[in-house]
């Protein structure tokens, strides 16, 4: 007898290898299915960039509102208060000095 495998053994080995390749292909298919396509990735990236841009714009507007509020507070409250209190303080100082 020779050391060559029988036809049945060759078929069995071939089927084992074929099953291994089929399992590998199925695994690759599952991995590919879990990946995001480039088009979807690009759309999500554009949406995210648009959202970030909108948030930056809103933040800048809020900063401008804060500056405007501070200016209003200084102009409407602090300056008149100093205008009223300064003469009173000056009169008190002059009155105490005489």
Protein backbone atom coordinates (compact mmCIF):
# COMPACT_ATOMS: atom_id res chain seq x y z
CA UNK A 1 0.00 0.00 0.00
CA UNK A 2 1.07 3.52 -0.71
CA UNK A 3 1.04 6.52 1.59
CA UNK A 4 -1.41 8.37 -0.61
CA UNK A 5 -4.75 9.29 1.03
CA UNK A 6 -7.89 7.59 -0.13
CA UNK A 7 -10.48 9.46 -2.12
CA UNK A 8 -12.79 9.62 0.90
CA UNK A 9 -10.02 11.12 3.04
CA UNK A 10 -9.27 13.73 0.37
CA UNK A 11 -12.95 14.67 0.21
CA UNK A 12 -13.14 14.91 4.03
CA UNK A 13 -10.05 17.15 4.18
CA UNK A 14 -11.42 19.28 1.35
CA UNK A 15 -14.77 19.66 3.16
CA UNK A 16 -12.96 20.61 6.39
CA UNK A 17 -10.97 23.30 4.58
CA UNK A 18 -14.07 24.47 2.73
CA UNK A 19 -15.95 24.77 6.06
CA UNK A 20 -13.03 26.76 7.50
CA UNK A 21 -13.06 29.13 4.51
CA UNK A 22 -16.85 29.45 4.74
CA UNK A 23 -16.59 30.31 8.46
CA UNK A 24 -13.87 32.86 7.72
CA UNK A 25 -15.99 34.46 5.01
CA UNK A 26 -19.00 34.56 7.34
CA UNK A 27 -16.84 36.22 10.01
CA UNK A 28 -15.62 38.79 7.52
CA UNK A 29 -19.20 39.43 6.47
CA UNK A 30 -20.22 40.08 10.08
CA UNK A 31 -17.30 42.47 10.52
CA UNK A 32 -18.13 44.33 7.32
CA UNK A 33 -21.80 44.58 8.35
CA UNK A 34 -20.77 46.20 11.62
CA UNK A 35 -18.71 48.87 9.84
CA UNK A 36 -20.19 52.20 8.77
CA UNK A 37 -20.08 52.98 5.08
CA UNK A 38 -18.05 55.99 3.95
CA UNK A 39 -21.21 57.82 2.81
CA UNK A 40 -22.86 57.46 6.21
CA UNK A 41 -19.62 58.49 7.91
CA UNK A 42 -19.36 61.59 5.72
CA UNK A 43 -22.99 62.54 6.40
CA UNK A 44 -22.52 62.13 10.14
CA UNK A 45 -19.30 64.14 10.01
CA UNK A 46 -21.01 66.96 8.11
CA UNK A 47 -23.94 66.97 10.55
CA UNK A 48 -21.55 67.09 13.50
CA UNK A 49 -19.52 69.89 11.92
CA UNK A 50 -22.72 71.85 11.28
CA UNK A 51 -23.84 71.32 14.86
CA UNK A 52 -20.48 72.46 16.25
CA UNK A 53 -20.58 75.53 14.03
CA UNK A 54 -24.08 76.37 15.28
CA UNK A 55 -23.00 75.95 18.89
CA UNK A 56 -19.97 78.19 18.33
CA UNK A 57 -22.21 80.85 16.81
CA UNK A 58 -24.61 80.65 19.76
CA UNK A 59 -21.70 80.90 22.19
CA UNK A 60 -20.42 84.02 20.43
CA UNK A 61 -23.89 85.58 20.55
CA UNK A 62 -24.16 84.76 24.26
CA UNK A 63 -20.78 86.40 24.87
CA UNK A 64 -21.95 89.50 22.98
CA UNK A 65 -25.15 89.58 25.08
CA UNK A 66 -23.07 89.35 28.25
CA UNK A 67 -20.91 92.29 27.18
CA UNK A 68 -24.02 94.28 26.27
CA UNK A 69 -25.60 93.48 29.65
CA UNK A 70 -22.46 94.61 31.47
CA UNK A 71 -22.41 97.85 29.50
CA UNK A 72 -26.09 98.43 30.25
CA UNK A 73 -25.51 97.72 33.94
CA UNK A 74 -22.64 100.19 34.10
CA UNK A 75 -24.51 102.83 32.10
CA UNK A 76 -27.89 102.49 33.78
CA UNK A 77 -26.96 101.72 37.38
CA UNK A 78 -23.34 102.41 38.31
CA UNK A 79 -22.85 105.76 36.57
CA UNK A 80 -26.06 107.35 37.96
CA UNK A 81 -25.34 105.93 41.40
CA UNK A 82 -21.85 107.43 41.38
CA UNK A 83 -23.35 110.70 40.05
CA UNK A 84 -25.72 110.84 43.02
CA UNK A 85 -23.34 109.64 45.72
CA UNK A 86 -20.27 111.64 44.69
CA UNK A 87 -21.81 115.10 45.35
CA UNK A 88 -23.21 113.84 48.67
CA UNK A 89 -19.81 112.51 49.71
CA UNK A 90 -18.12 115.74 48.60
CA UNK A 91 -20.65 117.82 50.60
CA UNK A 92 -20.07 115.64 53.65
CA UNK A 93 -16.31 115.98 53.33
CA UNK A 94 -16.53 119.78 52.86
CA UNK A 95 -18.99 120.07 55.74
CA UNK A 96 -16.75 118.06 58.05
CA UNK A 97 -13.75 120.14 57.09
CA UNK A 98 -15.28 123.49 58.00
